[in-house]
Amino acid sequence: MNRAIVVGIVALALSSDAYAGEKMACNLAPVNDADGWHYRTKIGGREARCYYIGERMKSRSELYWAETPTIAPPEVPTDRPPWAVEYRWQDPSGRSHGE
C-alpha cells in the first residue's frame, strides 16, 4: 500500500511541466490558451514580461531570455551613390521605352 502511494507521488512529480531548479526560456506572450501560463518581470535586466508554463513564482535565476539571432546589415555597393537608379534590364541596342 505505501509503495503504491510513493510510486503515485513520484509519477505525479515527474509529469509536471517545470521541474524545480530547471532553467526555462522566456516567451514574450503565452503561446496558446492552455492553463498554466505565468509570468515574471525583470528577467535578465529586461522590463518585458517573461511568460512560462509551470509553477507560480518560479525563481528568476531559473528563467532566461533566449538570444535573438543577429541579422547582418545588407551590403550597399560603394561604387555609386545610394540615390542612383539601377535598371534591371536595359536594351542592348540602347533604346528605352520612351522612344
N, C-alpha and C. Protein backbone atom coordinates (compact mmCIF):
# COMPACT_ATOMS: atom_id res chain seq x y z
N MET A 1 0.83 -1.19 0.00
CA MET A 1 0.00 0.00 0.00
C MET A 1 0.87 1.26 0.00
N ASN A 2 1.82 1.34 0.92
CA ASN A 2 2.71 2.50 0.98
C ASN A 2 3.53 2.65 -0.28
N ARG A 3 3.94 1.52 -0.84
CA ARG A 3 4.74 1.55 -2.07
C ARG A 3 3.94 2.14 -3.23
N ALA A 4 2.65 1.83 -3.30
CA ALA A 4 1.78 2.36 -4.35
C ALA A 4 1.63 3.87 -4.21
N ILE A 5 1.56 4.36 -3.00
CA ILE A 5 1.45 5.81 -2.77
C ILE A 5 2.73 6.51 -3.21
N VAL A 6 3.87 5.94 -2.85
CA VAL A 6 5.16 6.53 -3.22
C VAL A 6 5.30 6.55 -4.74
N VAL A 7 4.95 5.47 -5.40
CA VAL A 7 5.03 5.41 -6.87
C VAL A 7 4.09 6.44 -7.48
N GLY A 8 2.92 6.62 -6.95
CA GLY A 8 1.97 7.62 -7.45
C GLY A 8 2.49 9.03 -7.28
N ILE A 9 3.10 9.32 -6.14
CA ILE A 9 3.64 10.66 -5.90
C ILE A 9 4.80 10.94 -6.85
N VAL A 10 5.67 9.96 -7.05
CA VAL A 10 6.81 10.13 -7.96
C VAL A 10 6.31 10.35 -9.39
N ALA A 11 5.33 9.59 -9.82
CA ALA A 11 4.79 9.75 -11.17
C ALA A 11 4.15 11.12 -11.35
N LEU A 12 3.45 11.60 -10.35
CA LEU A 12 2.84 12.92 -10.41
C LEU A 12 3.90 14.01 -10.47
N ALA A 13 4.95 13.87 -9.69
CA ALA A 13 6.03 14.86 -9.68
C ALA A 13 6.75 14.91 -11.02
N LEU A 14 6.95 13.76 -11.66
CA LEU A 14 7.65 13.73 -12.94
C LEU A 14 6.82 14.23 -14.10
N SER A 15 5.52 14.31 -13.95
CA SER A 15 4.66 14.73 -15.06
C SER A 15 4.42 16.24 -15.09
N SER A 16 4.96 16.99 -14.14
CA SER A 16 4.73 18.44 -14.14
C SER A 16 5.50 19.09 -15.27
N ASP A 17 5.09 20.29 -15.67
CA ASP A 17 5.70 20.99 -16.80
C ASP A 17 7.09 21.52 -16.49
N ALA A 18 7.28 22.09 -15.32
CA ALA A 18 8.56 22.69 -14.98
C ALA A 18 9.06 22.09 -13.67
N TYR A 19 10.21 21.51 -13.73
CA TYR A 19 10.80 20.93 -12.54
C TYR A 19 11.48 22.03 -11.73
N ALA A 20 11.52 21.88 -10.43
CA ALA A 20 12.21 22.85 -9.59
C ALA A 20 13.69 22.84 -9.95
N GLY A 21 14.24 24.00 -10.16
CA GLY A 21 15.64 24.12 -10.50
C GLY A 21 15.94 24.03 -11.98
N GLU A 22 14.93 23.72 -12.80
CA GLU A 22 15.13 23.60 -14.24
C GLU A 22 15.11 24.98 -14.88
N LYS A 23 16.09 25.27 -15.73
CA LYS A 23 16.11 26.55 -16.44
C LYS A 23 15.11 26.49 -17.59
N MET A 24 14.37 27.59 -17.77
CA MET A 24 13.36 27.67 -18.83
C MET A 24 13.54 28.96 -19.60
N ALA A 25 13.32 28.88 -20.91
CA ALA A 25 13.38 30.06 -21.76
C ALA A 25 12.09 30.86 -21.63
N CYS A 26 12.19 32.16 -21.69
CA CYS A 26 11.03 33.05 -21.60
C CYS A 26 10.34 33.18 -22.95
N ASN A 27 9.04 33.42 -22.92
CA ASN A 27 8.26 33.75 -24.11
C ASN A 27 7.72 35.15 -23.94
N LEU A 28 7.58 35.89 -25.04
CA LEU A 28 7.03 37.25 -24.95
C LEU A 28 5.55 37.26 -24.66
N ALA A 29 4.85 36.17 -24.99
CA ALA A 29 3.41 36.05 -24.75
C ALA A 29 3.09 34.57 -24.61
N PRO A 30 1.97 34.24 -23.96
CA PRO A 30 1.58 32.83 -23.91
C PRO A 30 1.42 32.27 -25.32
N VAL A 31 1.94 31.10 -25.57
CA VAL A 31 1.92 30.52 -26.91
C VAL A 31 0.53 30.03 -27.29
N ASN A 32 -0.22 29.53 -26.35
CA ASN A 32 -1.58 29.07 -26.63
C ASN A 32 -2.46 29.44 -25.43
N ASP A 33 -3.71 29.09 -25.50
CA ASP A 33 -4.64 29.44 -24.42
C ASP A 33 -4.68 28.40 -23.31
N ALA A 34 -3.71 27.52 -23.26
CA ALA A 34 -3.68 26.48 -22.23
C ALA A 34 -3.48 27.10 -20.85
N ASP A 35 -4.02 26.43 -19.85
CA ASP A 35 -3.82 26.89 -18.47
C ASP A 35 -2.39 26.62 -18.06
N GLY A 36 -1.95 27.30 -17.04
CA GLY A 36 -0.63 27.04 -16.51
C GLY A 36 0.41 28.07 -16.88
N TRP A 37 0.03 29.09 -17.66
CA TRP A 37 0.98 30.14 -18.02
C TRP A 37 1.07 31.14 -16.88
N HIS A 38 2.29 31.49 -16.53
CA HIS A 38 2.55 32.51 -15.52
C HIS A 38 3.61 33.43 -16.08
N TYR A 39 3.82 34.57 -15.42
CA TYR A 39 4.88 35.45 -15.89
C TYR A 39 5.63 36.06 -14.72
N ARG A 40 6.87 36.44 -15.01
CA ARG A 40 7.71 37.18 -14.07
C ARG A 40 8.25 38.38 -14.83
N THR A 41 8.59 39.42 -14.11
CA THR A 41 9.21 40.60 -14.71
C THR A 41 10.66 40.69 -14.26
N LYS A 42 11.39 41.56 -14.90
CA LYS A 42 12.79 41.84 -14.55
C LYS A 42 13.67 40.60 -14.64
N ILE A 43 13.54 39.89 -15.76
CA ILE A 43 14.39 38.74 -16.03
C ILE A 43 15.50 39.20 -16.96
N GLY A 44 16.72 39.02 -16.56
CA GLY A 44 17.85 39.39 -17.41
C GLY A 44 17.95 40.88 -17.67
N GLY A 45 17.43 41.70 -16.76
CA GLY A 45 17.51 43.14 -16.93
C GLY A 45 16.48 43.73 -17.87
N ARG A 46 15.58 42.92 -18.39
CA ARG A 46 14.54 43.42 -19.29
C ARG A 46 13.26 43.68 -18.52
N GLU A 47 12.51 44.68 -18.94
CA GLU A 47 11.24 45.02 -18.29
C GLU A 47 10.07 44.22 -18.85
N ALA A 48 10.27 43.55 -19.98
CA ALA A 48 9.19 42.78 -20.60
C ALA A 48 8.77 41.63 -19.70
N ARG A 49 7.53 41.22 -19.83
CA ARG A 49 7.05 40.06 -19.07
C ARG A 49 7.61 38.78 -19.66
N CYS A 50 8.08 37.91 -18.81
CA CYS A 50 8.61 36.61 -19.20
C CYS A 50 7.54 35.57 -18.91
N TYR A 51 6.89 35.07 -19.96
CA TYR A 51 5.84 34.05 -19.78
C TYR A 51 6.46 32.66 -19.82
N TYR A 52 5.97 31.77 -18.97
CA TYR A 52 6.45 30.40 -18.90
C TYR A 52 5.32 29.51 -18.39
N ILE A 53 5.43 28.22 -18.66
CA ILE A 53 4.47 27.25 -18.12
C ILE A 53 5.14 26.57 -16.94
N GLY A 54 4.42 26.50 -15.85
CA GLY A 54 4.97 25.82 -14.67
C GLY A 54 4.43 26.42 -13.39
N GLU A 55 5.19 26.24 -12.35
CA GLU A 55 4.77 26.70 -11.03
C GLU A 55 4.79 28.23 -10.95
N ARG A 56 3.90 28.78 -10.13
CA ARG A 56 3.88 30.22 -9.93
C ARG A 56 5.14 30.66 -9.20
N MET A 57 5.54 31.88 -9.45
CA MET A 57 6.69 32.49 -8.77
C MET A 57 7.95 31.65 -8.91
N LYS A 58 8.19 31.16 -10.12
CA LYS A 58 9.42 30.42 -10.38
C LYS A 58 10.59 31.38 -10.15
N SER A 59 11.67 30.89 -9.62
CA SER A 59 12.82 31.72 -9.30
C SER A 59 13.35 32.42 -10.56
N ARG A 60 13.71 33.68 -10.43
CA ARG A 60 14.24 34.43 -11.57
C ARG A 60 15.53 33.81 -12.09
N SER A 61 16.28 33.16 -11.22
CA SER A 61 17.53 32.54 -11.65
C SER A 61 17.29 31.33 -12.54
N GLU A 62 16.07 30.82 -12.57
CA GLU A 62 15.73 29.67 -13.39
C GLU A 62 15.10 30.06 -14.72
N LEU A 63 14.92 31.36 -14.96
CA LEU A 63 14.33 31.85 -16.20
C LEU A 63 15.37 32.65 -16.97
N TYR A 64 15.33 32.56 -18.30
CA TYR A 64 16.27 33.32 -19.11
C TYR A 64 15.63 33.65 -20.45
N TRP A 65 16.14 34.70 -21.07
CA TRP A 65 15.73 35.09 -22.42
C TRP A 65 16.67 34.43 -23.40
N ALA A 66 16.12 33.76 -24.40
CA ALA A 66 16.94 33.17 -25.46
C ALA A 66 17.53 34.31 -26.29
N GLU A 67 18.73 34.12 -26.76
CA GLU A 67 19.36 35.16 -27.57
C GLU A 67 18.67 35.27 -28.91
N THR A 68 18.50 36.50 -29.36
CA THR A 68 17.90 36.71 -30.67
C THR A 68 18.99 36.63 -31.72
N PRO A 69 18.72 35.99 -32.83
CA PRO A 69 19.75 35.90 -33.86
C PRO A 69 20.03 37.27 -34.47
N THR A 70 21.27 37.53 -34.73
CA THR A 70 21.62 38.81 -35.35
C THR A 70 21.59 38.65 -36.85
N ILE A 71 21.09 39.64 -37.53
CA ILE A 71 21.00 39.64 -38.98
C ILE A 71 22.00 40.65 -39.50
N ALA A 72 22.84 40.22 -40.39
CA ALA A 72 23.85 41.12 -40.95
C ALA A 72 23.16 42.20 -41.76
N PRO A 73 23.64 43.45 -41.67
CA PRO A 73 23.03 44.51 -42.47
C PRO A 73 23.28 44.26 -43.95
N PRO A 74 22.37 44.71 -44.80
CA PRO A 74 22.56 44.49 -46.24
C PRO A 74 23.79 45.24 -46.74
N GLU A 75 24.48 44.65 -47.69
CA GLU A 75 25.65 45.30 -48.26
C GLU A 75 25.21 46.36 -49.26
N VAL A 76 25.77 47.53 -49.12
CA VAL A 76 25.46 48.64 -50.02
C VAL A 76 26.66 48.83 -50.94
N PRO A 77 26.44 48.79 -52.26
CA PRO A 77 27.57 49.00 -53.16
C PRO A 77 28.15 50.39 -52.97
N THR A 78 29.46 50.48 -52.98
CA THR A 78 30.12 51.76 -52.73
C THR A 78 30.57 52.44 -54.00
N ASP A 79 30.36 51.82 -55.17
CA ASP A 79 30.85 52.41 -56.42
C ASP A 79 29.89 53.46 -57.00
N ARG A 80 28.69 53.61 -56.44
CA ARG A 80 27.76 54.64 -56.91
C ARG A 80 26.97 55.17 -55.72
N PRO A 81 26.46 56.40 -55.85
CA PRO A 81 25.71 56.97 -54.72
C PRO A 81 24.40 56.23 -54.50
N PRO A 82 23.88 56.25 -53.27
CA PRO A 82 22.65 55.48 -52.97
C PRO A 82 21.42 55.94 -53.72
N TRP A 83 21.41 57.18 -54.25
CA TRP A 83 20.23 57.66 -54.95
C TRP A 83 20.27 57.29 -56.44
N ALA A 84 21.36 56.70 -56.91
CA ALA A 84 21.46 56.32 -58.32
C ALA A 84 20.49 55.17 -58.60
N VAL A 85 19.85 55.24 -59.75
CA VAL A 85 18.87 54.24 -60.13
C VAL A 85 19.58 53.14 -60.90
N GLU A 86 19.29 51.92 -60.54
CA GLU A 86 19.85 50.78 -61.27
C GLU A 86 18.71 50.09 -62.01
N TYR A 87 18.83 50.00 -63.31
CA TYR A 87 17.80 49.35 -64.10
C TYR A 87 18.10 47.86 -64.15
N ARG A 88 17.07 47.05 -64.00
CA ARG A 88 17.26 45.60 -64.02
C ARG A 88 17.56 45.10 -65.43
N TRP A 89 16.98 45.73 -66.41
CA TRP A 89 17.20 45.29 -67.78
C TRP A 89 17.35 46.50 -68.67
N GLN A 90 18.34 46.47 -69.49
CA GLN A 90 18.50 47.53 -70.49
C GLN A 90 18.60 46.88 -71.85
N ASP A 91 18.02 47.55 -72.82
CA ASP A 91 18.05 47.05 -74.19
C ASP A 91 19.49 47.16 -74.71
N PRO A 92 20.03 46.06 -75.28
CA PRO A 92 21.40 46.11 -75.78
C PRO A 92 21.60 47.14 -76.88
N SER A 93 20.54 47.48 -77.62
CA SER A 93 20.68 48.47 -78.68
C SER A 93 20.64 49.90 -78.14
N GLY A 94 20.35 50.06 -76.86
CA GLY A 94 20.36 51.38 -76.25
C GLY A 94 19.03 52.08 -76.27
N ARG A 95 17.99 51.46 -76.82
CA ARG A 95 16.68 52.08 -76.84
C ARG A 95 16.02 52.00 -75.45
N SER A 96 15.13 52.91 -75.19
CA SER A 96 14.37 52.85 -73.94
C SER A 96 12.89 52.80 -74.28
N HIS A 97 12.07 52.70 -73.28
CA HIS A 97 10.62 52.61 -73.50
C HIS A 97 10.02 53.93 -73.97
N GLY A 98 10.71 55.02 -73.70
CA GLY A 98 10.16 56.33 -74.06
C GLY A 98 10.36 56.67 -75.52
N GLU A 99 11.12 55.91 -76.29
CA GLU A 99 11.39 56.26 -77.67
C GLU A 99 10.37 55.69 -78.61
